[in-house]
Amino acid sequence: MTLNAYLILSTVLFVIGLVGVMRRKNLLMLFFSTEIMLNAVNIGMAAISKFYGDLTGQMFAFFIVAIAASEVAIGLGLLILWFKKKNSIDLDTLQSMKG
């Protein structure tokens, strides 16, 4: 595959993730959409890194994978706590704060 094909794939995946972030009200779907966006960036960086023979992009992709894994672990933990408290993971329930 050429570099352009990888970049087009990366762009399409990023747009799919962006549409998911903007359109979804479910927090779990927001996590999935964010992961799609992060992986799209990873594909782009790894492809550019491979075609230019520089390992910097692949190293950044590795760090993004590590950060995404920690984000999912913390986010899903908070999501489970929120679901136990409110019985919903809809974004609209997050807007009502009760003190």
PDB file of N, CA and C in Angstrom:
ATOM      1  N   MET A   1       0.848  -1.188   0.000  1.00  0.00           N
ATOM      2  CA  MET A   1       0.000   0.000   0.000  1.00  0.00           C
ATOM      3  C   MET A   1       0.883   1.238   0.000  1.00  0.00           C
ATOM      4  N   THR A   2       0.346   2.288  -0.555  1.00  0.00           N
ATOM      5  CA  THR A   2       1.088   3.545  -0.598  1.00  0.00           C
ATOM      6  C   THR A   2       0.796   4.360   0.658  1.00  0.00           C
ATOM      7  N   LEU A   3       1.599   5.403   0.829  1.00  0.00           N
ATOM      8  CA  LEU A   3       1.391   6.283   1.984  1.00  0.00           C
ATOM      9  C   LEU A   3       0.039   6.970   1.905  1.00  0.00           C
ATOM     10  N   ASN A   4      -0.352   7.346   0.700  1.00  0.00           N
ATOM     11  CA  ASN A   4      -1.657   8.006   0.550  1.00  0.00           C
ATOM     12  C   ASN A   4      -2.798   7.094   0.973  1.00  0.00           C
ATOM     13  N   ALA A   5      -2.704   5.813   0.664  1.00  0.00           N
ATOM     14  CA  ALA A   5      -3.766   4.885   1.062  1.00  0.00           C
ATOM     15  C   ALA A   5      -3.872   4.798   2.580  1.00  0.00           C
ATOM     16  N   TYR A   6      -2.719   4.751   3.252  1.00  0.00           N
ATOM     17  CA  TYR A   6      -2.748   4.717   4.711  1.00  0.00           C
ATOM     18  C   TYR A   6      -3.325   6.011   5.289  1.00  0.00           C
ATOM     19  N   LEU A   7      -2.943   7.127   4.696  1.00  0.00           N
ATOM     20  CA  LEU A   7      -3.448   8.406   5.207  1.00  0.00           C
ATOM     21  C   LEU A   7      -4.941   8.562   4.947  1.00  0.00           C
ATOM     22  N   ILE A   8      -5.404   8.063   3.805  1.00  0.00           N
ATOM     23  CA  ILE A   8      -6.846   8.109   3.530  1.00  0.00           C
ATOM     24  C   ILE A   8      -7.592   7.217   4.525  1.00  0.00           C
ATOM     25  N   LEU A   9      -7.064   6.026   4.783  1.00  0.00           N
ATOM     26  CA  LEU A   9      -7.675   5.141   5.780  1.00  0.00           C
ATOM     27  C   LEU A   9      -7.700   5.805   7.150  1.00  0.00           C
ATOM     28  N   SER A  10      -6.599   6.432   7.508  1.00  0.00           N
ATOM     29  CA  SER A  10      -6.525   7.123   8.798  1.00  0.00           C
ATOM     30  C   SER A  10      -7.541   8.256   8.871  1.00  0.00           C
ATOM     31  N   THR A  11      -7.676   9.002   7.799  1.00  0.00           N
ATOM     32  CA  THR A  11      -8.626  10.118   7.786  1.00  0.00           C
ATOM     33  C   THR A  11     -10.061   9.613   7.883  1.00  0.00           C
ATOM     34  N   VAL A  12     -10.376   8.555   7.152  1.00  0.00           N
ATOM     35  CA  VAL A  12     -11.742   8.007   7.193  1.00  0.00           C
ATOM     36  C   VAL A  12     -12.068   7.511   8.604  1.00  0.00           C
ATOM     37  N   LEU A  13     -11.135   6.803   9.229  1.00  0.00           N
ATOM     38  CA  LEU A  13     -11.377   6.325  10.591  1.00  0.00           C
ATOM     39  C   LEU A  13     -11.520   7.480  11.580  1.00  0.00           C
ATOM     40  N   PHE A  14     -10.704   8.516  11.396  1.00  0.00           N
ATOM     41  CA  PHE A  14     -10.796   9.669  12.293  1.00  0.00           C
ATOM     42  C   PHE A  14     -12.144  10.362  12.147  1.00  0.00           C
ATOM     43  N   VAL A  15     -12.624  10.496  10.921  1.00  0.00           N
ATOM     44  CA  VAL A  15     -13.918  11.143  10.698  1.00  0.00           C
ATOM     45  C   VAL A  15     -15.044  10.298  11.296  1.00  0.00           C
ATOM     46  N   ILE A  16     -14.958   8.975  11.144  1.00  0.00           N
ATOM     47  CA  ILE A  16     -15.971   8.098  11.755  1.00  0.00           C
ATOM     48  C   ILE A  16     -15.980   8.287  13.274  1.00  0.00           C
ATOM     49  N   GLY A  17     -14.799   8.341  13.880  1.00  0.00           N
ATOM     50  CA  GLY A  17     -14.723   8.559  15.324  1.00  0.00           C
ATOM     51  C   GLY A  17     -15.237   9.927  15.725  1.00  0.00           C
ATOM     52  N   LEU A  18     -14.919  10.935  14.924  1.00  0.00           N
ATOM     53  CA  LEU A  18     -15.370  12.303  15.230  1.00  0.00           C
ATOM     54  C   LEU A  18     -16.881  12.415  15.155  1.00  0.00           C
ATOM     55  N   VAL A  19     -17.473  11.793  14.145  1.00  0.00           N
ATOM     56  CA  VAL A  19     -18.931  11.798  14.035  1.00  0.00           C
ATOM     57  C   VAL A  19     -19.543  11.070  15.226  1.00  0.00           C
ATOM     58  N   GLY A  20     -18.910   9.980  15.648  1.00  0.00           N
ATOM     59  CA  GLY A  20     -19.403   9.258  16.821  1.00  0.00           C
ATOM     60  C   GLY A  20     -19.335  10.090  18.081  1.00  0.00           C
ATOM     61  N   VAL A  21     -18.268  10.856  18.248  1.00  0.00           N
ATOM     62  CA  VAL A  21     -18.150  11.706  19.441  1.00  0.00           C
ATOM     63  C   VAL A  21     -19.195  12.807  19.414  1.00  0.00           C
ATOM     64  N   MET A  22     -19.450  13.368  18.232  1.00  0.00           N
ATOM     65  CA  MET A  22     -20.380  14.492  18.166  1.00  0.00           C
ATOM     66  C   MET A  22     -21.836  14.059  18.230  1.00  0.00           C
ATOM     67  N   ARG A  23     -22.167  12.839  17.801  1.00  0.00           N
ATOM     68  CA  ARG A  23     -23.560  12.444  17.673  1.00  0.00           C
ATOM     69  C   ARG A  23     -24.071  11.572  18.812  1.00  0.00           C
ATOM     70  N   ARG A  24     -23.202  10.900  19.527  1.00  0.00           N
ATOM     71  CA  ARG A  24     -23.639   9.933  20.515  1.00  0.00           C
ATOM     72  C   ARG A  24     -23.918  10.576  21.861  1.00  0.00           C
ATOM     73  N   LYS A  25     -24.887  10.033  22.576  1.00  0.00           N
ATOM     74  CA  LYS A  25     -25.205  10.479  23.925  1.00  0.00           C
ATOM     75  C   LYS A  25     -24.795   9.448  24.964  1.00  0.00           C
ATOM     76  N   ASN A  26     -24.479   8.245  24.522  1.00  0.00           N
ATOM     77  CA  ASN A  26     -24.091   7.172  25.421  1.00  0.00           C
ATOM     78  C   ASN A  26     -22.591   7.276  25.706  1.00  0.00           C
ATOM     79  N   LEU A  27     -22.208   7.242  26.964  1.00  0.00           N
ATOM     80  CA  LEU A  27     -20.798   7.409  27.318  1.00  0.00           C
ATOM     81  C   LEU A  27     -19.928   6.275  26.811  1.00  0.00           C
ATOM     82  N   LEU A  28     -20.453   5.070  26.776  1.00  0.00           N
ATOM     83  CA  LEU A  28     -19.680   3.936  26.277  1.00  0.00           C
ATOM     84  C   LEU A  28     -19.362   4.117  24.796  1.00  0.00           C
ATOM     85  N   MET A  29     -20.325   4.602  24.042  1.00  0.00           N
ATOM     86  CA  MET A  29     -20.087   4.862  22.618  1.00  0.00           C
ATOM     87  C   MET A  29     -19.085   5.998  22.436  1.00  0.00           C
ATOM     88  N   LEU A  30     -19.081   6.958  23.364  1.00  0.00           N
ATOM     89  CA  LEU A  30     -18.085   8.030  23.296  1.00  0.00           C
ATOM     90  C   LEU A  30     -16.685   7.476  23.509  1.00  0.00           C
ATOM     91  N   PHE A  31     -16.552   6.527  24.428  1.00  0.00           N
ATOM     92  CA  PHE A  31     -15.241   5.879  24.622  1.00  0.00           C
ATOM     93  C   PHE A  31     -14.812   5.147  23.357  1.00  0.00           C
ATOM     94  N   PHE A  32     -15.748   4.407  22.767  1.00  0.00           N
ATOM     95  CA  PHE A  32     -15.407   3.668  21.541  1.00  0.00           C
ATOM     96  C   PHE A  32     -15.008   4.631  20.422  1.00  0.00           C
ATOM     97  N   SER A  33     -15.736   5.712  20.290  1.00  0.00           N
ATOM     98  CA  SER A  33     -15.420   6.687  19.235  1.00  0.00           C
ATOM     99  C   SER A  33     -14.063   7.332  19.479  1.00  0.00           C
ATOM    100  N   THR A  34     -13.760   7.619  20.724  1.00  0.00           N
ATOM    101  CA  THR A  34     -12.455   8.188  21.051  1.00  0.00           C
ATOM    102  C   THR A  34     -11.337   7.204  20.714  1.00  0.00           C
ATOM    103  N   GLU A  35     -11.574   5.929  20.993  1.00  0.00           N
ATOM    104  CA  GLU A  35     -10.573   4.910  20.653  1.00  0.00           C
ATOM    105  C   GLU A  35     -10.368   4.815  19.151  1.00  0.00           C
ATOM    106  N   ILE A  36     -11.449   4.934  18.391  1.00  0.00           N
ATOM    107  CA  ILE A  36     -11.317   4.910  16.925  1.00  0.00           C
ATOM    108  C   ILE A  36     -10.479   6.092  16.461  1.00  0.00           C
ATOM    109  N   MET A  37     -10.711   7.255  17.052  1.00  0.00           N
ATOM    110  CA  MET A  37      -9.930   8.438  16.668  1.00  0.00           C
ATOM    111  C   MET A  37      -8.455   8.265  17.027  1.00  0.00           C
ATOM    112  N   LEU A  38      -8.170   7.736  18.207  1.00  0.00           N
ATOM    113  CA  LEU A  38      -6.774   7.539  18.606  1.00  0.00           C
ATOM    114  C   LEU A  38      -6.084   6.517  17.708  1.00  0.00           C
ATOM    115  N   ASN A  39      -6.791   5.455  17.354  1.00  0.00           N
ATOM    116  CA  ASN A  39      -6.184   4.465  16.472  1.00  0.00           C
ATOM    117  C   ASN A  39      -6.001   4.991  15.062  1.00  0.00           C
ATOM    118  N   ALA A  40      -6.866   5.876  14.628  1.00  0.00           N
ATOM    119  CA  ALA A  40      -6.677   6.503  13.317  1.00  0.00           C
ATOM    120  C   ALA A  40      -5.393   7.326  13.301  1.00  0.00           C
ATOM    121  N   VAL A  41      -5.158   8.053  14.365  1.00  0.00           N
ATOM    122  CA  VAL A  41      -3.917   8.829  14.467  1.00  0.00           C
ATOM    123  C   VAL A  41      -2.715   7.895  14.501  1.00  0.00           C
ATOM    124  N   ASN A  42      -2.849   6.775  15.205  1.00  0.00           N
ATOM    125  CA  ASN A  42      -1.759   5.795  15.259  1.00  0.00           C
ATOM    126  C   ASN A  42      -1.424   5.251  13.877  1.00  0.00           C
ATOM    127  N   ILE A  43      -2.438   4.939  13.095  1.00  0.00           N
ATOM    128  CA  ILE A  43      -2.199   4.427  11.747  1.00  0.00           C
ATOM    129  C   ILE A  43      -1.454   5.462  10.912  1.00  0.00           C
ATOM    130  N   GLY A  44      -1.880   6.702  11.008  1.00  0.00           N
ATOM    131  CA  GLY A  44      -1.217   7.768  10.263  1.00  0.00           C
ATOM    132  C   GLY A  44       0.230   7.945  10.682  1.00  0.00           C
ATOM    133  N   MET A  45       0.465   7.961  11.981  1.00  0.00           N
ATOM    134  CA  MET A  45       1.845   8.151  12.450  1.00  0.00           C
ATOM    135  C   MET A  45       2.736   6.964  12.099  1.00  0.00           C
ATOM    136  N   ALA A  46       2.226   5.755  12.253  1.00  0.00           N
ATOM    137  CA  ALA A  46       3.030   4.579  11.916  1.00  0.00           C
ATOM    138  C   ALA A  46       3.319   4.520  10.423  1.00  0.00           C
ATOM    139  N   ALA A  47       2.349   4.895   9.605  1.00  0.00           N
ATOM    140  CA  ALA A  47       2.569   4.880   8.158  1.00  0.00           C
ATOM    141  C   ALA A  47       3.613   5.909   7.747  1.00  0.00           C
ATOM    142  N   ILE A  48       3.491   7.107   8.257  1.00  0.00           N
ATOM    143  CA  ILE A  48       4.475   8.153   7.928  1.00  0.00           C
ATOM    144  C   ILE A  48       5.848   7.746   8.427  1.00  0.00           C
ATOM    145  N   SER A  49       5.894   7.174   9.610  1.00  0.00           N
ATOM    146  CA  SER A  49       7.161   6.731  10.173  1.00  0.00           C
ATOM    147  C   SER A  49       7.810   5.654   9.306  1.00  0.00           C
ATOM    148  N   LYS A  50       7.000   4.717   8.836  1.00  0.00           N
ATOM    149  CA  LYS A  50       7.545   3.645   8.003  1.00  0.00           C
ATOM    150  C   LYS A  50       8.053   4.179   6.664  1.00  0.00           C
ATOM    151  N   PHE A  51       7.301   5.053   6.053  1.00  0.00           N
ATOM    152  CA  PHE A  51       7.677   5.528   4.722  1.00  0.00           C
ATOM    153  C   PHE A  51       8.861   6.486   4.758  1.00  0.00           C
ATOM    154  N   TYR A  52       9.094   7.164   5.867  1.00  0.00           N
ATOM    155  CA  TYR A  52      10.254   8.044   5.965  1.00  0.00           C
ATOM    156  C   TYR A  52      11.422   7.379   6.683  1.00  0.00           C
ATOM    157  N   GLY A  53      11.230   6.154   7.157  1.00  0.00           N
ATOM    158  CA  GLY A  53      12.321   5.429   7.798  1.00  0.00           C
ATOM    159  C   GLY A  53      12.733   5.975   9.147  1.00  0.00           C
ATOM    160  N   ASP A  54      11.811   6.646   9.819  1.00  0.00           N
ATOM    161  CA  ASP A  54      12.088   7.226  11.133  1.00  0.00           C
ATOM    162  C   ASP A  54      11.196   6.525  12.158  1.00  0.00           C
ATOM    163  N   LEU A  55      11.746   6.165  13.286  1.00  0.00           N
ATOM    164  CA  LEU A  55      10.977   5.435  14.288  1.00  0.00           C
ATOM    165  C   LEU A  55      10.198   6.335  15.247  1.00  0.00           C
ATOM    166  N   THR A  56      10.312   7.637  15.096  1.00  0.00           N
ATOM    167  CA  THR A  56       9.653   8.559  16.026  1.00  0.00           C
ATOM    168  C   THR A  56       8.135   8.390  15.999  1.00  0.00           C
ATOM    169  N   GLY A  57       7.567   8.279  14.818  1.00  0.00           N
ATOM    170  CA  GLY A  57       6.113   8.118  14.716  1.00  0.00           C
ATOM    171  C   GLY A  57       5.628   6.833  15.343  1.00  0.00           C
ATOM    172  N   GLN A  58       6.410   5.770  15.186  1.00  0.00           N
ATOM    173  CA  GLN A  58       6.020   4.503  15.793  1.00  0.00           C
ATOM    174  C   GLN A  58       6.126   4.570  17.311  1.00  0.00           C
ATOM    175  N   MET A  59       7.108   5.298  17.811  1.00  0.00           N
ATOM    176  CA  MET A  59       7.216   5.464  19.259  1.00  0.00           C
ATOM    177  C   MET A  59       6.033   6.259  19.805  1.00  0.00           C
ATOM    178  N   PHE A  60       5.633   7.327  19.093  1.00  0.00           N
ATOM    179  CA  PHE A  60       4.458   8.090  19.519  1.00  0.00           C
ATOM    180  C   PHE A  60       3.210   7.215  19.487  1.00  0.00           C
ATOM    181  N   ALA A  61       3.089   6.385  18.456  1.00  0.00           N
ATOM    182  CA  ALA A  61       1.939   5.477  18.372  1.00  0.00           C
ATOM    183  C   ALA A  61       1.922   4.527  19.565  1.00  0.00           C
ATOM    184  N   PHE A  62       3.089   4.037  19.958  1.00  0.00           N
ATOM    185  CA  PHE A  62       3.164   3.153  21.120  1.00  0.00           C
ATOM    186  C   PHE A  62       2.714   3.884  22.384  1.00  0.00           C
ATOM    187  N   PHE A  63       3.148   5.128  22.572  1.00  0.00           N
ATOM    188  CA  PHE A  63       2.726   5.892  23.746  1.00  0.00           C
ATOM    189  C   PHE A  63       1.235   6.180  23.710  1.00  0.00           C
ATOM    190  N   ILE A  64       0.696   6.436  22.531  1.00  0.00           N
ATOM    191  CA  ILE A  64      -0.743   6.684  22.423  1.00  0.00           C
ATOM    192  C   ILE A  64      -1.526   5.438  22.806  1.00  0.00           C
ATOM    193  N   VAL A  65      -1.039   4.259  22.422  1.00  0.00           N
ATOM    194  CA  VAL A  65      -1.704   3.016  22.805  1.00  0.00           C
ATOM    195  C   VAL A  65      -1.687   2.857  24.323  1.00  0.00           C
ATOM    196  N   ALA A  66      -0.556   3.177  24.946  1.00  0.00           N
ATOM    197  CA  ALA A  66      -0.457   3.063  26.399  1.00  0.00           C
ATOM    198  C   ALA A  66      -1.399   4.056  27.087  1.00  0.00           C
ATOM    199  N   ILE A  67      -1.448   5.279  26.593  1.00  0.00           N
ATOM    200  CA  ILE A  67      -2.330   6.286  27.182  1.00  0.00           C
ATOM    201  C   ILE A  67      -3.785   5.906  26.967  1.00  0.00           C
ATOM    202  N   ALA A  68      -4.105   5.377  25.794  1.00  0.00           N
ATOM    203  CA  ALA A  68      -5.487   4.967  25.514  1.00  0.00           C
ATOM    204  C   ALA A  68      -5.906   3.827  26.428  1.00  0.00           C
ATOM    205  N   ALA A  69      -5.007   2.909  26.696  1.00  0.00           N
ATOM    206  CA  ALA A  69      -5.342   1.800  27.593  1.00  0.00           C
ATOM    207  C   ALA A  69      -5.624   2.304  29.002  1.00  0.00           C
ATOM    208  N   SER A  70      -4.808   3.241  29.484  1.00  0.00           N
ATOM    209  CA  SER A  70      -5.061   3.783  30.819  1.00  0.00           C
ATOM    210  C   SER A  70      -6.334   4.613  30.834  1.00  0.00           C
ATOM    211  N   GLU A  71      -6.601   5.338  29.757  1.00  0.00           N
ATOM    212  CA  GLU A  71      -7.829   6.133  29.675  1.00  0.00           C
ATOM    213  C   GLU A  71      -9.052   5.239  29.725  1.00  0.00           C
ATOM    214  N   VAL A  72      -9.007   4.122  29.030  1.00  0.00           N
ATOM    215  CA  VAL A  72     -10.139   3.202  29.026  1.00  0.00           C
ATOM    216  C   VAL A  72     -10.315   2.580  30.402  1.00  0.00           C
ATOM    217  N   ALA A  73      -9.229   2.205  31.048  1.00  0.00           N
ATOM    218  CA  ALA A  73      -9.345   1.584  32.374  1.00  0.00           C
ATOM    219  C   ALA A  73      -9.968   2.552  33.374  1.00  0.00           C
ATOM    220  N   ILE A  74      -9.483   3.764  33.412  1.00  0.00           N
ATOM    221  CA  ILE A  74     -10.030   4.761  34.343  1.00  0.00           C
ATOM    222  C   ILE A  74     -11.451   5.145  33.950  1.00  0.00           C
ATOM    223  N   GLY A  75     -11.660   5.358  32.661  1.00  0.00           N
ATOM    224  CA  GLY A  75     -12.982   5.768  32.196  1.00  0.00           C
ATOM    225  C   GLY A  75     -14.040   4.710  32.436  1.00  0.00           C
ATOM    226  N   LEU A  76     -13.715   3.461  32.168  1.00  0.00           N
ATOM    227  CA  LEU A  76     -14.703   2.417  32.404  1.00  0.00           C
ATOM    228  C   LEU A  76     -14.973   2.225  33.887  1.00  0.00           C
ATOM    229  N   GLY A  77     -13.962   2.413  34.720  1.00  0.00           N
ATOM    230  CA  GLY A  77     -14.178   2.358  36.164  1.00  0.00           C
ATOM    231  C   GLY A  77     -15.136   3.447  36.623  1.00  0.00           C
ATOM    232  N   LEU A  78     -14.919   4.656  36.145  1.00  0.00           N
ATOM    233  CA  LEU A  78     -15.825   5.758  36.491  1.00  0.00           C
ATOM    234  C   LEU A  78     -17.220   5.528  35.922  1.00  0.00           C
ATOM    235  N   LEU A  79     -17.257   4.956  34.728  1.00  0.00           N
ATOM    236  CA  LEU A  79     -18.547   4.684  34.093  1.00  0.00           C
ATOM    237  C   LEU A  79     -19.346   3.651  34.883  1.00  0.00           C
ATOM    238  N   ILE A  80     -18.680   2.636  35.379  1.00  0.00           N
ATOM    239  CA  ILE A  80     -19.370   1.620  36.194  1.00  0.00           C
ATOM    240  C   ILE A  80     -19.898   2.248  37.479  1.00  0.00           C
ATOM    241  N   LEU A  81     -19.085   3.097  38.104  1.00  0.00           N
ATOM    242  CA  LEU A  81     -19.557   3.781  39.322  1.00  0.00           C
ATOM    243  C   LEU A  81     -20.759   4.670  39.021  1.00  0.00           C
ATOM    244  N   TRP A  82     -20.713   5.383  37.887  1.00  0.00           N
ATOM    245  CA  TRP A  82     -21.815   6.257  37.523  1.00  0.00           C
ATOM    246  C   TRP A  82     -23.076   5.448  37.234  1.00  0.00           C
ATOM    247  N   PHE A  83     -22.912   4.306  36.559  1.00  0.00           N
ATOM    248  CA  PHE A  83     -24.074   3.474  36.252  1.00  0.00           C
ATOM    249  C   PHE A  83     -24.688   2.900  37.521  1.00  0.00           C
ATOM    250  N   LYS A  84     -23.859   2.520  38.485  1.00  0.00           N
ATOM    251  CA  LYS A  84     -24.399   1.991  39.740  1.00  0.00           C
ATOM    252  C   LYS A  84     -25.168   3.064  40.501  1.00  0.00           C
ATOM    253  N   LYS A  85     -24.726   4.310  40.367  1.00  0.00           N
ATOM    254  CA  LYS A  85     -25.360   5.396  41.104  1.00  0.00           C
ATOM    255  C   LYS A  85     -26.641   5.881  40.419  1.00  0.00           C
ATOM    256  N   LYS A  86     -26.605   6.008  39.086  1.00  0.00           N
ATOM    257  CA  LYS A  86     -27.713   6.633  38.362  1.00  0.00           C
ATOM    258  C   LYS A  86     -28.537   5.667  37.510  1.00  0.00           C
ATOM    259  N   ASN A  87     -28.080   4.446  37.319  1.00  0.00           N
ATOM    260  CA  ASN A  87     -28.726   3.468  36.449  1.00  0.00           C
ATOM    261  C   ASN A  87     -28.853   3.953  35.013  1.00  0.00           C
ATOM    262  N   SER A  88     -27.950   4.777  34.581  1.00  0.00           N
ATOM    263  CA  SER A  88     -27.949   5.262  33.208  1.00  0.00           C
ATOM    264  C   SER A  88     -26.547   5.756  32.871  1.00  0.00           C
ATOM    265  N   ILE A  89     -26.173   5.627  31.603  1.00  0.00           N
ATOM    266  CA  ILE A  89     -24.894   6.189  31.175  1.00  0.00           C
ATOM    267  C   ILE A  89     -25.121   7.220  30.077  1.00  0.00           C
ATOM    268  N   ASP A  90     -26.281   7.826  30.108  1.00  0.00           N
ATOM    269  CA  ASP A  90     -26.622   8.857  29.141  1.00  0.00           C
ATOM    270  C   ASP A  90     -25.961  10.172  29.554  1.00  0.00           C
ATOM    271  N   LEU A  91     -25.516  10.934  28.574  1.00  0.00           N
ATOM    272  CA  LEU A  91     -24.844  12.201  28.876  1.00  0.00           C
ATOM    273  C   LEU A  91     -25.773  13.212  29.522  1.00  0.00           C
ATOM    274  N   ASP A  92     -27.052  13.131  29.226  1.00  0.00           N
ATOM    275  CA  ASP A  92     -27.988  14.096  29.796  1.00  0.00           C
ATOM    276  C   ASP A  92     -28.091  13.955  31.312  1.00  0.00           C
ATOM    277  N   THR A  93     -27.867  12.743  31.836  1.00  0.00           N
ATOM    278  CA  THR A  93     -27.926  12.572  33.284  1.00  0.00           C
ATOM    279  C   THR A  93     -26.699  13.161  33.967  1.00  0.00           C
ATOM    280  N   LEU A  94     -25.628  13.347  33.221  1.00  0.00           N
ATOM    281  CA  LEU A  94     -24.430  13.946  33.805  1.00  0.00           C
ATOM    282  C   LEU A  94     -24.590  15.446  34.040  1.00  0.00           C
ATOM    283  N   GLN A  95     -25.491  16.054  33.292  1.00  0.00           N
ATOM    284  CA  GLN A  95     -25.646  17.499  33.391  1.00  0.00           C
ATOM    285  C   GLN A  95     -26.371  17.931  34.647  1.00  0.00           C
ATOM    286  N   SER A  96     -27.132  17.029  35.254  1.00  0.00           N
ATOM    287  CA  SER A  96     -27.852  17.397  36.464  1.00  0.00           C
ATOM    288  C   SER A  96     -27.005  17.038  37.676  1.00  0.00           C
ATOM    289  N   MET A  97     -26.515  18.048  38.362  1.00  0.00           N
ATOM    290  CA  MET A  97     -25.677  17.819  39.534  1.00  0.00           C
ATOM    291  C   MET A  97     -26.521  18.022  40.788  1.00  0.00           C
ATOM    292  N   LYS A  98     -26.397  17.102  41.671  1.00  0.00           N
ATOM    293  CA  LYS A  98     -27.132  17.206  42.916  1.00  0.00           C
ATOM    294  C   LYS A  98     -26.130  17.265  44.056  1.00  0.00           C
ATOM    295  N   GLY A  99     -26.264  18.214  44.913  1.00  0.00           N
ATOM    296  CA  GLY A  99     -25.303  18.359  45.984  1.00  0.00           C
ATOM    297  C   GLY A  99     -25.820  17.978  47.317  1.00  0.00           C
TER     298      GLY A  99
END
